[in-house]
Amino acid sequence: MSKVDSLNKFVAEKITAGVATMWCAYLFAIVALISLPSAIKSGDTLVIISWIAQTFLQLVLLSIIMVGQSVSSAKLEKTINETHEASLGEFELAKEARMLAQKELAELKVISSDIHKVIKNLEEKVK
């Protein structure tokens, strides 16, 4: 990655981090409200609706939507991490169960071998 690309990425991340705050939304609302009296004084319905749609909503909702996305991302990341931790815990339990089953199988093989020896000894005595 070139230095220009690194700089662009750095600047974009900083601007995004700044705009994606409720404080930025409040600042944008104040800036938008500065032009509200002029829109109202015009008396033109189209100007007022344009102010609402193009000035207030677009400017303020930009930050609010970004904040909402950050909150949603954080919740999703938390859920993913919790699921991952739970999966790791279940994996460890499964490993322990497998090891226990392997030990029990080994013990059963020894017992089976002992039983076969006893049966063989009994058969020899009966003959």
C-alpha atoms as a PDB file:
ATOM      1  CA  MET A   1       0.000   0.000   0.000  1.00  0.00           C
ATOM      2  CA  SER A   2       1.393   3.382  -0.981  1.00  0.00           C
ATOM      3  CA  LYS A   3       1.808   6.318   1.374  1.00  0.00           C
ATOM      4  CA  VAL A   4      -1.011   8.144  -0.411  1.00  0.00           C
ATOM      5  CA  ASP A   5      -3.332   5.143   0.045  1.00  0.00           C
ATOM      6  CA  SER A   6      -2.357   4.945   3.721  1.00  0.00           C
ATOM      7  CA  LEU A   7      -3.014   8.651   4.186  1.00  0.00           C
ATOM      8  CA  ASN A   8      -6.374   8.405   2.412  1.00  0.00           C
ATOM      9  CA  LYS A   9      -7.390   5.458   4.568  1.00  0.00           C
ATOM     10  CA  PHE A  10      -6.297   7.278   7.742  1.00  0.00           C
ATOM     11  CA  VAL A  11      -8.226  10.450   6.821  1.00  0.00           C
ATOM     12  CA  ALA A  12     -11.327   8.458   5.838  1.00  0.00           C
ATOM     13  CA  GLU A  13     -11.281   6.519   9.111  1.00  0.00           C
ATOM     14  CA  LYS A  14     -10.914   9.704  11.179  1.00  0.00           C
ATOM     15  CA  ILE A  15     -13.705  11.513   9.331  1.00  0.00           C
ATOM     16  CA  THR A  16     -15.992   8.480   9.586  1.00  0.00           C
ATOM     17  CA  ALA A  17     -15.257   8.149  13.304  1.00  0.00           C
ATOM     18  CA  GLY A  18     -16.049  11.838  13.813  1.00  0.00           C
ATOM     19  CA  VAL A  19     -19.247  11.908  11.742  1.00  0.00           C
ATOM     20  CA  ALA A  20     -20.539   8.696  13.311  1.00  0.00           C
ATOM     21  CA  THR A  21     -21.250  10.347  16.682  1.00  0.00           C
ATOM     22  CA  MET A  22     -24.353  11.853  18.187  1.00  0.00           C
ATOM     23  CA  TRP A  23     -22.364  15.023  18.909  1.00  0.00           C
ATOM     24  CA  CYS A  24     -21.861  15.428  15.168  1.00  0.00           C
ATOM     25  CA  ALA A  25     -25.604  14.858  14.638  1.00  0.00           C
ATOM     26  CA  TYR A  26     -26.343  17.623  17.164  1.00  0.00           C
ATOM     27  CA  LEU A  27     -23.860  19.946  15.437  1.00  0.00           C
ATOM     28  CA  PHE A  28     -25.399  19.187  12.023  1.00  0.00           C
ATOM     29  CA  ALA A  29     -28.877  19.877  13.456  1.00  0.00           C
ATOM     30  CA  ILE A  30     -27.732  23.277  14.747  1.00  0.00           C
ATOM     31  CA  VAL A  31     -26.138  24.117  11.380  1.00  0.00           C
ATOM     32  CA  ALA A  32     -29.313  23.049   9.561  1.00  0.00           C
ATOM     33  CA  LEU A  33     -31.528  25.070  11.922  1.00  0.00           C
ATOM     34  CA  ILE A  34     -29.611  28.239  11.043  1.00  0.00           C
ATOM     35  CA  SER A  35     -31.277  28.289   7.626  1.00  0.00           C
ATOM     36  CA  LEU A  36     -34.758  27.347   8.899  1.00  0.00           C
ATOM     37  CA  PRO A  37     -35.965  30.937   9.503  1.00  0.00           C
ATOM     38  CA  SER A  38     -35.115  31.860   5.895  1.00  0.00           C
ATOM     39  CA  ALA A  39     -36.993  28.839   4.598  1.00  0.00           C
ATOM     40  CA  ILE A  40     -40.042  29.721   6.694  1.00  0.00           C
ATOM     41  CA  LYS A  41     -39.905  33.430   5.731  1.00  0.00           C
ATOM     42  CA  SER A  42     -39.972  32.486   2.070  1.00  0.00           C
ATOM     43  CA  GLY A  43     -43.504  31.184   2.599  1.00  0.00           C
ATOM     44  CA  ASP A  44     -42.911  28.792  -0.273  1.00  0.00           C
ATOM     45  CA  THR A  45     -44.040  25.259   0.584  1.00  0.00           C
ATOM     46  CA  LEU A  46     -41.497  23.796  -1.833  1.00  0.00           C
ATOM     47  CA  VAL A  47     -38.640  25.686  -0.130  1.00  0.00           C
ATOM     48  CA  ILE A  48     -39.782  24.497   3.318  1.00  0.00           C
ATOM     49  CA  ILE A  49     -40.125  20.884   2.177  1.00  0.00           C
ATOM     50  CA  SER A  50     -36.759  21.104   0.433  1.00  0.00           C
ATOM     51  CA  TRP A  51     -35.203  22.455   3.630  1.00  0.00           C
ATOM     52  CA  ILE A  52     -36.652  19.526   5.619  1.00  0.00           C
ATOM     53  CA  ALA A  53     -35.660  16.862   3.092  1.00  0.00           C
ATOM     54  CA  GLN A  54     -32.382  18.179   1.727  1.00  0.00           C
ATOM     55  CA  THR A  55     -30.985  20.155   4.598  1.00  0.00           C
ATOM     56  CA  PHE A  56     -32.253  18.787   7.867  1.00  0.00           C
ATOM     57  CA  LEU A  57     -32.970  15.116   7.181  1.00  0.00           C
ATOM     58  CA  GLN A  58     -29.973  14.405   4.977  1.00  0.00           C
ATOM     59  CA  LEU A  59     -27.530  16.278   7.160  1.00  0.00           C
ATOM     60  CA  VAL A  60     -28.717  15.039  10.553  1.00  0.00           C
ATOM     61  CA  LEU A  61     -29.764  11.523   9.588  1.00  0.00           C
ATOM     62  CA  LEU A  62     -26.348  10.855   8.096  1.00  0.00           C
ATOM     63  CA  SER A  63     -24.725  10.892  11.526  1.00  0.00           C
ATOM     64  CA  ILE A  64     -27.628   9.185  13.278  1.00  0.00           C
ATOM     65  CA  ILE A  65     -27.635   6.310  10.778  1.00  0.00           C
ATOM     66  CA  MET A  66     -23.874   5.906  11.163  1.00  0.00           C
ATOM     67  CA  VAL A  67     -24.248   5.810  14.947  1.00  0.00           C
ATOM     68  CA  GLY A  68     -27.010   3.214  14.598  1.00  0.00           C
ATOM     69  CA  GLN A  69     -24.818   1.102  12.340  1.00  0.00           C
ATOM     70  CA  SER A  70     -21.994   1.271  14.873  1.00  0.00           C
ATOM     71  CA  VAL A  71     -24.340   0.191  17.659  1.00  0.00           C
ATOM     72  CA  SER A  72     -25.710  -2.660  15.532  1.00  0.00           C
ATOM     73  CA  SER A  73     -22.198  -3.750  14.577  1.00  0.00           C
ATOM     74  CA  ALA A  74     -21.119  -3.747  18.215  1.00  0.00           C
ATOM     75  CA  LYS A  75     -24.132  -5.882  19.196  1.00  0.00           C
ATOM     76  CA  LEU A  76     -23.455  -8.298  16.342  1.00  0.00           C
ATOM     77  CA  GLU A  77     -19.774  -8.521  17.262  1.00  0.00           C
ATOM     78  CA  LYS A  78     -20.722  -9.241  20.879  1.00  0.00           C
ATOM     79  CA  THR A  79     -23.112 -11.991  19.766  1.00  0.00           C
ATOM     80  CA  ILE A  80     -20.462 -13.491  17.482  1.00  0.00           C
ATOM     81  CA  ASN A  81     -17.891 -13.457  20.290  1.00  0.00           C
ATOM     82  CA  GLU A  82     -20.329 -15.047  22.741  1.00  0.00           C
ATOM     83  CA  THR A  83     -21.222 -17.730  20.200  1.00  0.00           C
ATOM     84  CA  HIS A  84     -17.548 -18.362  19.516  1.00  0.00           C
ATOM     85  CA  GLU A  85     -16.781 -18.701  23.228  1.00  0.00           C
ATOM     86  CA  ALA A  86     -19.725 -21.065  23.695  1.00  0.00           C
ATOM     87  CA  SER A  87     -18.589 -23.142  20.717  1.00  0.00           C
ATOM     88  CA  LEU A  88     -15.072 -23.369  22.128  1.00  0.00           C
ATOM     89  CA  GLY A  89     -16.503 -24.490  25.460  1.00  0.00           C
ATOM     90  CA  GLU A  90     -18.602 -27.167  23.774  1.00  0.00           C
ATOM     91  CA  PHE A  91     -15.583 -28.277  21.750  1.00  0.00           C
ATOM     92  CA  GLU A  92     -13.564 -28.700  24.944  1.00  0.00           C
ATOM     93  CA  LEU A  93     -16.403 -30.711  26.502  1.00  0.00           C
ATOM     94  CA  ALA A  94     -16.539 -32.910  23.401  1.00  0.00           C
ATOM     95  CA  LYS A  95     -12.769 -33.462  23.584  1.00  0.00           C
ATOM     96  CA  GLU A  96     -13.044 -34.439  27.249  1.00  0.00           C
ATOM     97  CA  ALA A  97     -15.951 -36.800  26.461  1.00  0.00           C
ATOM     98  CA  ARG A  98     -13.930 -38.399  23.657  1.00  0.00           C
ATOM     99  CA  MET A  99     -10.928 -38.899  25.921  1.00  0.00           C
ATOM    100  CA  LEU A 100     -13.177 -40.443  28.578  1.00  0.00           C
ATOM    101  CA  ALA A 101     -14.771 -42.730  25.976  1.00  0.00           C
ATOM    102  CA  GLN A 102     -11.316 -43.812  24.780  1.00  0.00           C
ATOM    103  CA  LYS A 103     -10.289 -44.650  28.359  1.00  0.00           C
ATOM    104  CA  GLU A 104     -13.497 -46.591  28.918  1.00  0.00           C
ATOM    105  CA  LEU A 105     -12.989 -48.472  25.643  1.00  0.00           C
ATOM    106  CA  ALA A 106      -9.458 -49.414  26.695  1.00  0.00           C
ATOM    107  CA  GLU A 107     -10.786 -50.627  30.050  1.00  0.00           C
ATOM    108  CA  LEU A 108     -13.508 -52.637  28.280  1.00  0.00           C
ATOM    109  CA  LYS A 109     -10.888 -54.275  26.068  1.00  0.00           C
ATOM    110  CA  VAL A 110      -8.912 -55.312  29.159  1.00  0.00           C
ATOM    111  CA  ILE A 111     -12.067 -56.655  30.828  1.00  0.00           C
ATOM    112  CA  SER A 112     -13.043 -58.508  27.629  1.00  0.00           C
ATOM    113  CA  SER A 113      -9.586 -60.025  27.412  1.00  0.00           C
ATOM    114  CA  ASP A 114      -9.775 -61.108  31.063  1.00  0.00           C
ATOM    115  CA  ILE A 115     -13.202 -62.670  30.487  1.00  0.00           C
ATOM    116  CA  HIS A 116     -11.878 -64.584  27.477  1.00  0.00           C
ATOM    117  CA  LYS A 117      -8.971 -65.887  29.593  1.00  0.00           C
ATOM    118  CA  VAL A 118     -11.350 -67.004  32.347  1.00  0.00           C
ATOM    119  CA  ILE A 119     -13.603 -68.758  29.819  1.00  0.00           C
ATOM    120  CA  LYS A 120     -10.618 -70.440  28.213  1.00  0.00           C
ATOM    121  CA  ASN A 121      -9.366 -71.610  31.636  1.00  0.00           C
ATOM    122  CA  LEU A 122     -12.835 -72.975  32.466  1.00  0.00           C
ATOM    123  CA  GLU A 123     -13.020 -74.792  29.148  1.00  0.00           C
ATOM    124  CA  GLU A 124      -9.627 -76.381  29.809  1.00  0.00           C
ATOM    125  CA  LYS A 125     -10.684 -77.500  33.281  1.00  0.00           C
ATOM    126  CA  VAL A 126     -13.928 -78.987  31.955  1.00  0.00           C
ATOM    127  CA  LYS A 127     -12.016 -81.093  29.408  1.00  0.00           C
END
